[in-house]
Amino acid sequence: MDLDPRLTALRALGGFFALRTTPPPAPDGEPAPLLPTLAQAYSAAPTGAPGDPLALRVGKVARALRAPEPRVAASVTQQGLAARLWSVALGCAVLYGAQPDLAPGLLRWDPDGSAPDDLWLTEVRARPGDARTLAATVLHGHLEPLAAALRARHRVAPGLLRGNAASALAGAARQLDGWARANGRPDAAARSRALTAELLAHPLLAGTVTPAGTAFRRRSCCLYYRVPGGGVCGDCCFPRPPRPFLRGPSG
């Protein structure tokens, strides 16, 4: 199946899957501000200056969650973007048999937007929908440079970020599987499971999660339990939030 210019099939799957392919509406008829590309966000110098889109996003997340440490907000920021990117790529691969070119230079991002992250694909051109291409697109094209950019700013463990990437992929697959079953699409459910299993075996994700029935349990923690009232996520390695501990200066 060919990709349609607006990727309309994704809309039924929910907000993490839907992708804007036209410019965002301008407020009050004014020209819309030119949003940064994700390539610019990944390559921005870690200065925390006003023009740094990644610093803007982490700061916004930190304020919204009242995060006690910058690295908690950095982790949540990374997982949110990972969930958006996996959802779009996997959703297209399952429903269209192809994925759009999601190169960081083609995706514009509103770092001051609400969740899920507001992305705008400036050009729709088809690429293969196999697991190898999905890994090249999302893991190597986005999540590796995103992790490097965040680790240059914050003390975030690489294993934590890899766990976030796997958790985001598993979450997208669960959503797809639920939609496929509810809409009588066993073919889509089977394709989603097959692609997800192949992706989770990729060297960058292998060993980050363990099967738990029809779901997965990760082997690391995203730190969300440190957010006031946060608790643990459904796939967390901890069955309950760890006991409080004394915190030193955060980085």
C-alpha atoms as a PDB file:
ATOM      1  CA  MET A   1       0.000   0.000   0.000  1.00  0.00           C
ATOM      2  CA  ASP A   2       1.290   3.475  -0.839  1.00  0.00           C
ATOM      3  CA  LEU A   3       1.539   6.208   1.757  1.00  0.00           C
ATOM      4  CA  ASP A   4      -1.126   8.868   1.453  1.00  0.00           C
ATOM      5  CA  PRO A   5       0.068  12.480   1.738  1.00  0.00           C
ATOM      6  CA  ARG A   6      -1.685  13.061   5.074  1.00  0.00           C
ATOM      7  CA  LEU A   7      -1.039   9.637   6.641  1.00  0.00           C
ATOM      8  CA  THR A   8      -4.723   9.493   7.512  1.00  0.00           C
ATOM      9  CA  ALA A   9      -4.687   5.820   8.557  1.00  0.00           C
ATOM     10  CA  LEU A  10      -2.699   6.763  11.657  1.00  0.00           C
ATOM     11  CA  ARG A  11      -5.389   9.025  13.086  1.00  0.00           C
ATOM     12  CA  ALA A  12      -7.557   6.145  14.288  1.00  0.00           C
ATOM     13  CA  LEU A  13      -4.708   4.886  16.457  1.00  0.00           C
ATOM     14  CA  GLY A  14      -4.545   7.909  18.744  1.00  0.00           C
ATOM     15  CA  GLY A  15      -2.495  11.010  19.429  1.00  0.00           C
ATOM     16  CA  PHE A  16       0.907   9.331  19.687  1.00  0.00           C
ATOM     17  CA  PHE A  17       0.490   7.904  16.174  1.00  0.00           C
ATOM     18  CA  ALA A  18      -1.048  10.821  14.272  1.00  0.00           C
ATOM     19  CA  LEU A  19       1.503  12.951  12.429  1.00  0.00           C
ATOM     20  CA  ARG A  20       0.974  16.425  11.021  1.00  0.00           C
ATOM     21  CA  THR A  21       2.039  16.693   7.374  1.00  0.00           C
ATOM     22  CA  THR A  22       0.945  20.303   6.807  1.00  0.00           C
ATOM     23  CA  PRO A  23       2.179  23.427   8.600  1.00  0.00           C
ATOM     24  CA  PRO A  24       0.566  24.056  11.998  1.00  0.00           C
ATOM     25  CA  PRO A  25      -2.148  26.715  11.987  1.00  0.00           C
ATOM     26  CA  ALA A  26      -0.945  30.240  12.646  1.00  0.00           C
ATOM     27  CA  PRO A  27      -2.542  32.069  15.606  1.00  0.00           C
ATOM     28  CA  ASP A  28      -4.849  34.945  14.640  1.00  0.00           C
ATOM     29  CA  GLY A  29      -3.836  34.781  11.014  1.00  0.00           C
ATOM     30  CA  GLU A  30      -0.231  35.665  11.778  1.00  0.00           C
ATOM     31  CA  PRO A  31       2.623  33.784  10.104  1.00  0.00           C
ATOM     32  CA  ALA A  32       3.394  30.653  12.092  1.00  0.00           C
ATOM     33  CA  PRO A  33       6.800  30.660  13.771  1.00  0.00           C
ATOM     34  CA  LEU A  34       9.338  28.408  12.076  1.00  0.00           C
ATOM     35  CA  LEU A  35       9.742  25.443  14.387  1.00  0.00           C
ATOM     36  CA  PRO A  36      13.175  23.831  14.811  1.00  0.00           C
ATOM     37  CA  THR A  37      13.895  20.500  13.214  1.00  0.00           C
ATOM     38  CA  LEU A  38      14.797  17.555  15.379  1.00  0.00           C
ATOM     39  CA  ALA A  39      18.216  17.637  13.706  1.00  0.00           C
ATOM     40  CA  GLN A  40      18.704  21.124  15.134  1.00  0.00           C
ATOM     41  CA  ALA A  41      17.529  19.962  18.555  1.00  0.00           C
ATOM     42  CA  TYR A  42      20.004  17.081  18.618  1.00  0.00           C
ATOM     43  CA  SER A  43      22.937  19.192  17.445  1.00  0.00           C
ATOM     44  CA  ALA A  44      22.370  22.305  19.574  1.00  0.00           C
ATOM     45  CA  ALA A  45      25.272  23.112  21.885  1.00  0.00           C
ATOM     46  CA  PRO A  46      24.449  22.139  25.504  1.00  0.00           C
ATOM     47  CA  THR A  47      24.343  25.708  26.747  1.00  0.00           C
ATOM     48  CA  GLY A  48      20.787  25.898  28.004  1.00  0.00           C
ATOM     49  CA  ALA A  49      20.428  29.157  26.083  1.00  0.00           C
ATOM     50  CA  PRO A  50      16.943  30.325  25.015  1.00  0.00           C
ATOM     51  CA  GLY A  51      17.528  29.024  21.494  1.00  0.00           C
ATOM     52  CA  ASP A  52      18.251  25.476  22.680  1.00  0.00           C
ATOM     53  CA  PRO A  53      15.058  23.484  21.869  1.00  0.00           C
ATOM     54  CA  LEU A  54      16.080  20.456  23.902  1.00  0.00           C
ATOM     55  CA  ALA A  55      16.789  22.552  26.992  1.00  0.00           C
ATOM     56  CA  LEU A  56      13.421  24.252  26.522  1.00  0.00           C
ATOM     57  CA  ARG A  57      11.612  20.920  26.411  1.00  0.00           C
ATOM     58  CA  VAL A  58      13.398  19.434  29.416  1.00  0.00           C
ATOM     59  CA  GLY A  59      12.679  22.589  31.393  1.00  0.00           C
ATOM     60  CA  LYS A  60       9.006  22.495  30.444  1.00  0.00           C
ATOM     61  CA  VAL A  61       8.736  18.841  31.490  1.00  0.00           C
ATOM     62  CA  ALA A  62      10.581  19.533  34.741  1.00  0.00           C
ATOM     63  CA  ARG A  63       8.152  22.312  35.682  1.00  0.00           C
ATOM     64  CA  ALA A  64       5.076  20.295  34.711  1.00  0.00           C
ATOM     65  CA  LEU A  65       6.153  17.275  36.771  1.00  0.00           C
ATOM     66  CA  ARG A  66       7.873  19.217  39.555  1.00  0.00           C
ATOM     67  CA  ALA A  67      10.817  16.916  38.862  1.00  0.00           C
ATOM     68  CA  PRO A  68      13.284  16.856  41.759  1.00  0.00           C
ATOM     69  CA  GLU A  69      16.282  16.330  39.453  1.00  0.00           C
ATOM     70  CA  PRO A  70      17.000  17.495  35.888  1.00  0.00           C
ATOM     71  CA  ARG A  71      17.806  13.948  34.810  1.00  0.00           C
ATOM     72  CA  VAL A  72      14.259  12.841  35.695  1.00  0.00           C
ATOM     73  CA  ALA A  73      12.850  15.423  33.280  1.00  0.00           C
ATOM     74  CA  ALA A  74      15.481  14.446  30.694  1.00  0.00           C
ATOM     75  CA  SER A  75      14.386  10.800  30.939  1.00  0.00           C
ATOM     76  CA  VAL A  76      10.693  11.653  30.551  1.00  0.00           C
ATOM     77  CA  THR A  77      11.487  13.972  27.630  1.00  0.00           C
ATOM     78  CA  GLN A  78      13.410  11.244  25.827  1.00  0.00           C
ATOM     79  CA  GLN A  79      10.744   8.620  26.423  1.00  0.00           C
ATOM     80  CA  GLY A  80       8.023  10.945  25.131  1.00  0.00           C
ATOM     81  CA  LEU A  81       9.863  11.569  21.866  1.00  0.00           C
ATOM     82  CA  ALA A  82      10.749   7.888  21.545  1.00  0.00           C
ATOM     83  CA  ALA A  83       7.078   6.949  21.939  1.00  0.00           C
ATOM     84  CA  ARG A  84       6.053   9.399  19.196  1.00  0.00           C
ATOM     85  CA  LEU A  85       8.723   8.230  16.766  1.00  0.00           C
ATOM     86  CA  TRP A  86       8.138   4.506  17.331  1.00  0.00           C
ATOM     87  CA  SER A  87       4.371   4.966  17.071  1.00  0.00           C
ATOM     88  CA  VAL A  88       4.544   6.738  13.721  1.00  0.00           C
ATOM     89  CA  ALA A  89       7.140   4.411  12.223  1.00  0.00           C
ATOM     90  CA  LEU A  90       5.605   1.161  13.503  1.00  0.00           C
ATOM     91  CA  GLY A  91       2.043   2.280  12.779  1.00  0.00           C
ATOM     92  CA  CYS A  92       2.884   3.105   9.166  1.00  0.00           C
ATOM     93  CA  ALA A  93       4.869  -0.109   8.700  1.00  0.00           C
ATOM     94  CA  VAL A  94       1.901  -2.147   9.947  1.00  0.00           C
ATOM     95  CA  LEU A  95      -0.955  -0.284   8.226  1.00  0.00           C
ATOM     96  CA  TYR A  96       0.754   0.787   4.990  1.00  0.00           C
ATOM     97  CA  GLY A  97       3.555  -1.732   4.632  1.00  0.00           C
ATOM     98  CA  ALA A  98       5.913   1.244   4.344  1.00  0.00           C
ATOM     99  CA  GLN A  99       7.072   4.097   6.538  1.00  0.00           C
ATOM    100  CA  PRO A 100       7.631   7.760   5.737  1.00  0.00           C
ATOM    101  CA  ASP A 101      11.148   9.116   5.687  1.00  0.00           C
ATOM    102  CA  LEU A 102      11.445  10.433   9.234  1.00  0.00           C
ATOM    103  CA  ALA A 103      14.898  11.950   8.865  1.00  0.00           C
ATOM    104  CA  PRO A 104      15.573  14.443  11.696  1.00  0.00           C
ATOM    105  CA  GLY A 105      15.962  17.240   9.156  1.00  0.00           C
ATOM    106  CA  LEU A 106      12.436  16.623   7.815  1.00  0.00           C
ATOM    107  CA  LEU A 107      10.664  16.615  11.192  1.00  0.00           C
ATOM    108  CA  ARG A 108       9.895  19.950  12.815  1.00  0.00           C
ATOM    109  CA  TRP A 109       9.124  19.932  16.530  1.00  0.00           C
ATOM    110  CA  ASP A 110       7.423  22.322  18.900  1.00  0.00           C
ATOM    111  CA  PRO A 111       9.453  21.939  22.108  1.00  0.00           C
ATOM    112  CA  ASP A 112       7.022  24.215  23.942  1.00  0.00           C
ATOM    113  CA  GLY A 113       3.973  22.186  22.878  1.00  0.00           C
ATOM    114  CA  SER A 114       1.844  19.867  24.957  1.00  0.00           C
ATOM    115  CA  ALA A 115       2.114  16.072  25.161  1.00  0.00           C
ATOM    116  CA  PRO A 116       2.245  14.031  23.011  1.00  0.00           C
ATOM    117  CA  ASP A 117       5.056  15.898  21.276  1.00  0.00           C
ATOM    118  CA  ASP A 118       3.866  18.035  18.359  1.00  0.00           C
ATOM    119  CA  LEU A 119       5.725  16.918  15.215  1.00  0.00           C
ATOM    120  CA  TRP A 120       5.338  18.144  11.643  1.00  0.00           C
ATOM    121  CA  LEU A 121       6.723  16.096   8.750  1.00  0.00           C
ATOM    122  CA  THR A 122       7.593  18.584   6.017  1.00  0.00           C
ATOM    123  CA  GLU A 123       7.744  16.033   3.170  1.00  0.00           C
ATOM    124  CA  VAL A 124       6.134  12.597   2.844  1.00  0.00           C
ATOM    125  CA  ARG A 125       8.240  10.116   0.928  1.00  0.00           C
ATOM    126  CA  ALA A 126       8.027   6.367   1.364  1.00  0.00           C
ATOM    127  CA  ARG A 127      10.705   4.061   2.703  1.00  0.00           C
ATOM    128  CA  PRO A 128      10.546   0.292   3.317  1.00  0.00           C
ATOM    129  CA  GLY A 129       8.579  -0.897   6.334  1.00  0.00           C
ATOM    130  CA  ASP A 130      10.899  -3.718   7.419  1.00  0.00           C
ATOM    131  CA  ALA A 131      12.510  -3.935  10.863  1.00  0.00           C
ATOM    132  CA  ARG A 132      15.990  -3.092   9.592  1.00  0.00           C
ATOM    133  CA  THR A 133      14.765   0.186   8.096  1.00  0.00           C
ATOM    134  CA  LEU A 134      12.714   0.975  11.204  1.00  0.00           C
ATOM    135  CA  ALA A 135      15.808   0.499  13.358  1.00  0.00           C
ATOM    136  CA  ALA A 136      17.882   2.697  11.063  1.00  0.00           C
ATOM    137  CA  THR A 137      15.186   5.369  11.121  1.00  0.00           C
ATOM    138  CA  VAL A 138      14.295   5.499  14.811  1.00  0.00           C
ATOM    139  CA  LEU A 139      17.207   3.982  16.720  1.00  0.00           C
ATOM    140  CA  HIS A 140      20.138   5.258  14.697  1.00  0.00           C
ATOM    141  CA  GLY A 141      18.536   8.305  13.109  1.00  0.00           C
ATOM    142  CA  HIS A 142      16.906   9.710  16.258  1.00  0.00           C
ATOM    143  CA  LEU A 143      17.398   7.937  19.554  1.00  0.00           C
ATOM    144  CA  GLU A 144      21.186   7.672  19.396  1.00  0.00           C
ATOM    145  CA  PRO A 145      21.746  11.417  18.721  1.00  0.00           C
ATOM    146  CA  LEU A 146      18.977  12.319  21.183  1.00  0.00           C
ATOM    147  CA  ALA A 147      20.618  10.230  23.902  1.00  0.00           C
ATOM    148  CA  ALA A 148      23.995  11.795  23.176  1.00  0.00           C
ATOM    149  CA  ALA A 149      22.517  15.298  23.379  1.00  0.00           C
ATOM    150  CA  LEU A 150      20.766  14.584  26.675  1.00  0.00           C
ATOM    151  CA  ARG A 151      23.800  12.931  28.233  1.00  0.00           C
ATOM    152  CA  ALA A 152      25.904  15.956  27.318  1.00  0.00           C
ATOM    153  CA  ARG A 153      23.568  18.018  29.499  1.00  0.00           C
ATOM    154  CA  HIS A 154      22.462  15.631  32.258  1.00  0.00           C
ATOM    155  CA  ARG A 155      23.696  12.621  34.227  1.00  0.00           C
ATOM    156  CA  VAL A 156      21.424  10.087  32.547  1.00  0.00           C
ATOM    157  CA  ALA A 157      22.644   6.491  32.371  1.00  0.00           C
ATOM    158  CA  PRO A 158      22.820   5.015  28.863  1.00  0.00           C
ATOM    159  CA  GLY A 159      21.102   1.825  30.060  1.00  0.00           C
ATOM    160  CA  LEU A 160      18.166   3.890  31.324  1.00  0.00           C
ATOM    161  CA  LEU A 161      17.772   5.580  27.924  1.00  0.00           C
ATOM    162  CA  ARG A 162      17.956   2.254  26.104  1.00  0.00           C
ATOM    163  CA  GLY A 163      15.295   0.929  28.455  1.00  0.00           C
ATOM    164  CA  ASN A 164      13.137   3.948  27.709  1.00  0.00           C
ATOM    165  CA  ALA A 165      13.510   3.290  23.976  1.00  0.00           C
ATOM    166  CA  ALA A 166      12.440  -0.337  24.383  1.00  0.00           C
ATOM    167  CA  SER A 167       9.557   0.573  26.694  1.00  0.00           C
ATOM    168  CA  ALA A 168       8.302   3.171  24.196  1.00  0.00           C
ATOM    169  CA  LEU A 169       8.424   0.593  21.394  1.00  0.00           C
ATOM    170  CA  ALA A 170       6.564  -2.000  23.484  1.00  0.00           C
ATOM    171  CA  GLY A 171       3.929   0.613  24.375  1.00  0.00           C
ATOM    172  CA  ALA A 172       3.356   1.487  20.721  1.00  0.00           C
ATOM    173  CA  ALA A 173       3.054  -2.214  19.894  1.00  0.00           C
ATOM    174  CA  ARG A 174       0.474  -2.757  22.664  1.00  0.00           C
ATOM    175  CA  GLN A 175      -1.618   0.118  21.358  1.00  0.00           C
ATOM    176  CA  LEU A 176      -1.433  -1.238  17.815  1.00  0.00           C
ATOM    177  CA  ASP A 177      -2.293  -4.746  18.964  1.00  0.00           C
ATOM    178  CA  GLY A 178      -5.345  -3.507  20.876  1.00  0.00           C
ATOM    179  CA  TRP A 179      -6.572  -1.518  17.877  1.00  0.00           C
ATOM    180  CA  ALA A 180      -6.028  -4.461  15.525  1.00  0.00           C
ATOM    181  CA  ARG A 181      -7.971  -6.854  17.731  1.00  0.00           C
ATOM    182  CA  ALA A 182     -10.823  -4.393  18.251  1.00  0.00           C
ATOM    183  CA  ASN A 183     -11.117  -3.813  14.508  1.00  0.00           C
ATOM    184  CA  GLY A 184     -10.830  -7.385  13.279  1.00  0.00           C
ATOM    185  CA  ARG A 185      -7.309  -7.007  11.871  1.00  0.00           C
ATOM    186  CA  PRO A 186      -5.396 -10.125  12.957  1.00  0.00           C
ATOM    187  CA  ASP A 187      -2.968  -9.485  10.098  1.00  0.00           C
ATOM    188  CA  ALA A 188      -2.023  -6.112  11.581  1.00  0.00           C
ATOM    189  CA  ALA A 189      -1.639  -7.594  15.070  1.00  0.00           C
ATOM    190  CA  ALA A 190       0.638 -10.340  13.752  1.00  0.00           C
ATOM    191  CA  ARG A 191       2.771  -7.906  11.756  1.00  0.00           C
ATOM    192  CA  SER A 192       3.099  -5.585  14.747  1.00  0.00           C
ATOM    193  CA  ARG A 193       4.233  -8.440  16.995  1.00  0.00           C
ATOM    194  CA  ALA A 194       6.737  -9.725  14.437  1.00  0.00           C
ATOM    195  CA  LEU A 195       8.299  -6.312  13.831  1.00  0.00           C
ATOM    196  CA  THR A 196       8.448  -5.542  17.545  1.00  0.00           C
ATOM    197  CA  ALA A 197      10.139  -8.844  18.367  1.00  0.00           C
ATOM    198  CA  GLU A 198      12.742  -8.250  15.665  1.00  0.00           C
ATOM    199  CA  LEU A 199      13.374  -4.696  16.852  1.00  0.00           C
ATOM    200  CA  LEU A 200      13.729  -5.720  20.502  1.00  0.00           C
ATOM    201  CA  ALA A 201      16.428  -8.177  19.402  1.00  0.00           C
ATOM    202  CA  HIS A 202      18.461  -5.304  17.909  1.00  0.00           C
ATOM    203  CA  PRO A 203      21.842  -4.874  19.662  1.00  0.00           C
ATOM    204  CA  LEU A 204      20.816  -1.451  21.002  1.00  0.00           C
ATOM    205  CA  LEU A 205      17.680  -2.895  22.642  1.00  0.00           C
ATOM    206  CA  ALA A 206      18.562  -6.520  23.347  1.00  0.00           C
ATOM    207  CA  GLY A 207      18.355  -7.366  27.038  1.00  0.00           C
ATOM    208  CA  THR A 208      16.450  -4.220  27.998  1.00  0.00           C
ATOM    209  CA  VAL A 209      13.126  -5.996  28.578  1.00  0.00           C
ATOM    210  CA  THR A 210      11.906  -9.467  29.524  1.00  0.00           C
ATOM    211  CA  PRO A 211       8.596 -11.002  28.394  1.00  0.00           C
ATOM    212  CA  ALA A 212       5.810 -10.953  30.998  1.00  0.00           C
ATOM    213  CA  GLY A 213       2.899 -12.862  29.509  1.00  0.00           C
ATOM    214  CA  THR A 214       1.722 -10.882  26.506  1.00  0.00           C
ATOM    215  CA  ALA A 215       3.561  -7.762  27.728  1.00  0.00           C
ATOM    216  CA  PHE A 216       7.129  -6.879  28.680  1.00  0.00           C
ATOM    217  CA  ARG A 217       8.881  -5.838  31.877  1.00  0.00           C
ATOM    218  CA  ARG A 218      11.897  -3.601  31.543  1.00  0.00           C
ATOM    219  CA  ARG A 219      15.173  -4.177  33.353  1.00  0.00           C
ATOM    220  CA  SER A 220      15.784  -0.526  34.171  1.00  0.00           C
ATOM    221  CA  CYS A 221      13.735   2.319  35.625  1.00  0.00           C
ATOM    222  CA  CYS A 222      12.841   5.603  33.912  1.00  0.00           C
ATOM    223  CA  LEU A 223      12.990   7.446  37.299  1.00  0.00           C
ATOM    224  CA  TYR A 224       9.350   8.511  37.121  1.00  0.00           C
ATOM    225  CA  TYR A 225       8.847   7.234  40.688  1.00  0.00           C
ATOM    226  CA  ARG A 226      10.900  10.220  41.861  1.00  0.00           C
ATOM    227  CA  VAL A 227       8.241  12.630  40.616  1.00  0.00           C
ATOM    228  CA  PRO A 228       5.908  13.721  43.448  1.00  0.00           C
ATOM    229  CA  GLY A 229       3.046  11.211  43.390  1.00  0.00           C
ATOM    230  CA  GLY A 230       4.538   9.437  40.373  1.00  0.00           C
ATOM    231  CA  GLY A 231       4.687   5.809  41.515  1.00  0.00           C
ATOM    232  CA  VAL A 232       6.048   3.135  39.175  1.00  0.00           C
ATOM    233  CA  CYS A 233       5.076   2.475  35.570  1.00  0.00           C
ATOM    234  CA  GLY A 234       3.303  -0.698  34.509  1.00  0.00           C
ATOM    235  CA  ASP A 235       6.443  -2.211  32.993  1.00  0.00           C
ATOM    236  CA  CYS A 236       8.895  -0.979  35.656  1.00  0.00           C
ATOM    237  CA  CYS A 237      11.602  -3.260  37.029  1.00  0.00           C
ATOM    238  CA  PHE A 238      10.489  -2.221  40.530  1.00  0.00           C
ATOM    239  CA  PRO A 239       7.245  -3.765  41.860  1.00  0.00           C
ATOM    240  CA  ARG A 240       6.838  -0.698  44.090  1.00  0.00           C
ATOM    241  CA  PRO A 241       8.655   2.634  44.431  1.00  0.00           C
ATOM    242  CA  PRO A 242      12.039   2.254  46.147  1.00  0.00           C
ATOM    243  CA  ARG A 243      12.293   3.608  49.672  1.00  0.00           C
ATOM    244  CA  PRO A 244      13.181   7.285  50.040  1.00  0.00           C
ATOM    245  CA  PHE A 245      16.862   8.079  50.077  1.00  0.00           C
ATOM    246  CA  LEU A 246      19.046  11.084  50.710  1.00  0.00           C
ATOM    247  CA  ARG A 247      19.848  12.976  47.532  1.00  0.00           C
ATOM    248  CA  GLY A 248      23.069  14.821  46.924  1.00  0.00           C
ATOM    249  CA  PRO A 249      23.503  17.598  44.372  1.00  0.00           C
ATOM    250  CA  SER A 250      21.816  16.633  41.100  1.00  0.00           C
ATOM    251  CA  GLY A 251      23.431  16.928  37.703  1.00  0.00           C
END
